[in-house]
């Protein structure tokens, strides 16, 4: 493979990966269920997402993105990585 083709392939791959990051969109941490939180927030898997839901149920809606760091397993670094994805407002829907 020549150098030009390699550069094009690399450029295409980086565009695809960055597009998927933007496609994720924002996640409302006050209304999203655990699967939506895990899918929408970087560094948050199913267990941490469930911890977010449980914290919200015990303590009420989040008033700021920084308050998310009070959830066990979520630190300020995780909040900073996701700051542009975190939405606030609303109250969780009950089933």
C-alpha atoms as a PDB file:
ATOM      1  CA  UNK A   1       0.000   0.000   0.000  1.00  0.00           C
ATOM      2  CA  UNK A   2       1.449   3.348  -0.962  1.00  0.00           C
ATOM      3  CA  UNK A   3       1.795   6.232   1.453  1.00  0.00           C
ATOM      4  CA  UNK A   4      -1.079   8.248  -0.065  1.00  0.00           C
ATOM      5  CA  UNK A   5      -3.517   5.358   0.283  1.00  0.00           C
ATOM      6  CA  UNK A   6      -2.420   4.814   3.869  1.00  0.00           C
ATOM      7  CA  UNK A   7      -2.984   8.487   4.715  1.00  0.00           C
ATOM      8  CA  UNK A   8      -6.437   8.399   3.119  1.00  0.00           C
ATOM      9  CA  UNK A   9      -7.342   5.244   4.982  1.00  0.00           C
ATOM     10  CA  UNK A  10      -6.190   6.776   8.275  1.00  0.00           C
ATOM     11  CA  UNK A  11      -8.132   9.973   7.598  1.00  0.00           C
ATOM     12  CA  UNK A  12     -11.282   8.032   6.789  1.00  0.00           C
ATOM     13  CA  UNK A  13     -10.959   5.933   9.944  1.00  0.00           C
ATOM     14  CA  UNK A  14     -10.494   9.007  12.143  1.00  0.00           C
ATOM     15  CA  UNK A  15     -13.553  10.657  10.579  1.00  0.00           C
ATOM     16  CA  UNK A  16     -15.668   7.565  11.209  1.00  0.00           C
ATOM     17  CA  UNK A  17     -14.551   7.344  14.824  1.00  0.00           C
ATOM     18  CA  UNK A  18     -15.098  11.029  15.534  1.00  0.00           C
ATOM     19  CA  UNK A  19     -18.537  10.939  13.902  1.00  0.00           C
ATOM     20  CA  UNK A  20     -19.622   8.134  16.217  1.00  0.00           C
ATOM     21  CA  UNK A  21     -18.544  10.196  19.214  1.00  0.00           C
ATOM     22  CA  UNK A  22     -20.693  13.112  18.064  1.00  0.00           C
ATOM     23  CA  UNK A  23     -23.607  10.823  17.253  1.00  0.00           C
ATOM     24  CA  UNK A  24     -23.836   9.778  20.889  1.00  0.00           C
ATOM     25  CA  UNK A  25     -25.341  13.162  21.745  1.00  0.00           C
ATOM     26  CA  UNK A  26     -26.222  14.436  25.175  1.00  0.00           C
ATOM     27  CA  UNK A  27     -27.561  12.344  28.030  1.00  0.00           C
ATOM     28  CA  UNK A  28     -29.940  13.756  30.609  1.00  0.00           C
ATOM     29  CA  UNK A  29     -28.568  12.391  33.871  1.00  0.00           C
ATOM     30  CA  UNK A  30     -31.871  13.129  35.615  1.00  0.00           C
ATOM     31  CA  UNK A  31     -34.092  11.133  33.272  1.00  0.00           C
ATOM     32  CA  UNK A  32     -31.925   8.533  31.506  1.00  0.00           C
ATOM     33  CA  UNK A  33     -32.114   4.907  32.551  1.00  0.00           C
ATOM     34  CA  UNK A  34     -28.993   2.848  33.255  1.00  0.00           C
ATOM     35  CA  UNK A  35     -28.553   1.493  29.692  1.00  0.00           C
ATOM     36  CA  UNK A  36     -28.816   5.016  28.225  1.00  0.00           C
ATOM     37  CA  UNK A  37     -26.286   6.349  30.742  1.00  0.00           C
ATOM     38  CA  UNK A  38     -23.850   3.519  29.986  1.00  0.00           C
ATOM     39  CA  UNK A  39     -24.212   4.032  26.245  1.00  0.00           C
ATOM     40  CA  UNK A  40     -23.969   7.815  26.346  1.00  0.00           C
ATOM     41  CA  UNK A  41     -21.232   8.503  28.877  1.00  0.00           C
ATOM     42  CA  UNK A  42     -17.572   7.685  28.331  1.00  0.00           C
ATOM     43  CA  UNK A  43     -16.050   5.565  31.077  1.00  0.00           C
ATOM     44  CA  UNK A  44     -19.447   4.610  32.498  1.00  0.00           C
ATOM     45  CA  UNK A  45     -20.383   0.960  32.202  1.00  0.00           C
ATOM     46  CA  UNK A  46     -23.518  -0.833  33.381  1.00  0.00           C
ATOM     47  CA  UNK A  47     -22.525  -0.946  37.073  1.00  0.00           C
ATOM     48  CA  UNK A  48     -21.634   2.751  37.291  1.00  0.00           C
ATOM     49  CA  UNK A  49     -24.741   3.662  35.307  1.00  0.00           C
ATOM     50  CA  UNK A  50     -26.884   1.723  37.775  1.00  0.00           C
ATOM     51  CA  UNK A  51     -25.099   3.518  40.630  1.00  0.00           C
ATOM     52  CA  UNK A  52     -26.052   6.855  39.026  1.00  0.00           C
ATOM     53  CA  UNK A  53     -29.709   5.800  38.847  1.00  0.00           C
ATOM     54  CA  UNK A  54     -29.685   4.579  42.463  1.00  0.00           C
ATOM     55  CA  UNK A  55     -28.005   7.781  43.693  1.00  0.00           C
ATOM     56  CA  UNK A  56     -30.609   9.842  41.841  1.00  0.00           C
ATOM     57  CA  UNK A  57     -33.449   7.793  43.357  1.00  0.00           C
ATOM     58  CA  UNK A  58     -32.038   8.214  46.878  1.00  0.00           C
ATOM     59  CA  UNK A  59     -31.006  11.870  46.642  1.00  0.00           C
ATOM     60  CA  UNK A  60     -33.254  13.457  44.037  1.00  0.00           C
ATOM     61  CA  UNK A  61     -32.296  14.990  40.707  1.00  0.00           C
ATOM     62  CA  UNK A  62     -28.804  16.266  40.038  1.00  0.00           C
ATOM     63  CA  UNK A  63     -28.514  20.032  40.257  1.00  0.00           C
ATOM     64  CA  UNK A  64     -25.158  20.226  38.450  1.00  0.00           C
ATOM     65  CA  UNK A  65     -22.889  17.998  36.396  1.00  0.00           C
ATOM     66  CA  UNK A  66     -20.275  18.232  39.164  1.00  0.00           C
ATOM     67  CA  UNK A  67     -22.689  16.566  41.593  1.00  0.00           C
ATOM     68  CA  UNK A  68     -22.322  13.399  39.509  1.00  0.00           C
ATOM     69  CA  UNK A  69     -18.884  12.972  41.128  1.00  0.00           C
ATOM     70  CA  UNK A  70     -20.663  12.161  44.411  1.00  0.00           C
ATOM     71  CA  UNK A  71     -21.759   8.827  42.921  1.00  0.00           C
ATOM     72  CA  UNK A  72     -19.548   5.931  44.000  1.00  0.00           C
ATOM     73  CA  UNK A  73     -17.221   5.022  41.126  1.00  0.00           C
ATOM     74  CA  UNK A  74     -17.634   8.349  39.320  1.00  0.00           C
ATOM     75  CA  UNK A  75     -14.891  10.901  39.797  1.00  0.00           C
ATOM     76  CA  UNK A  76     -14.308  14.421  38.590  1.00  0.00           C
ATOM     77  CA  UNK A  77     -12.176  13.078  35.731  1.00  0.00           C
ATOM     78  CA  UNK A  78     -15.173  11.137  34.417  1.00  0.00           C
ATOM     79  CA  UNK A  79     -17.382  14.216  34.788  1.00  0.00           C
ATOM     80  CA  UNK A  80     -14.854  16.317  32.841  1.00  0.00           C
ATOM     81  CA  UNK A  81     -14.604  13.718  30.046  1.00  0.00           C
ATOM     82  CA  UNK A  82     -18.375  13.849  29.685  1.00  0.00           C
ATOM     83  CA  UNK A  83     -19.160  17.476  30.494  1.00  0.00           C
ATOM     84  CA  UNK A  84     -20.292  18.268  26.942  1.00  0.00           C
ATOM     85  CA  UNK A  85     -22.574  15.188  26.939  1.00  0.00           C
ATOM     86  CA  UNK A  86     -24.264  15.783  30.298  1.00  0.00           C
ATOM     87  CA  UNK A  87     -27.689  17.417  30.335  1.00  0.00           C
ATOM     88  CA  UNK A  88     -29.694  18.355  33.396  1.00  0.00           C
ATOM     89  CA  UNK A  89     -33.359  19.058  33.940  1.00  0.00           C
ATOM     90  CA  UNK A  90     -36.508  17.104  34.361  1.00  0.00           C
ATOM     91  CA  UNK A  91     -37.239  14.318  36.723  1.00  0.00           C
ATOM     92  CA  UNK A  92     -36.884  10.605  36.108  1.00  0.00           C
ATOM     93  CA  UNK A  93     -39.869   8.826  34.635  1.00  0.00           C
ATOM     94  CA  UNK A  94     -41.362   6.081  36.719  1.00  0.00           C
ATOM     95  CA  UNK A  95     -42.531   2.834  35.188  1.00  0.00           C
END
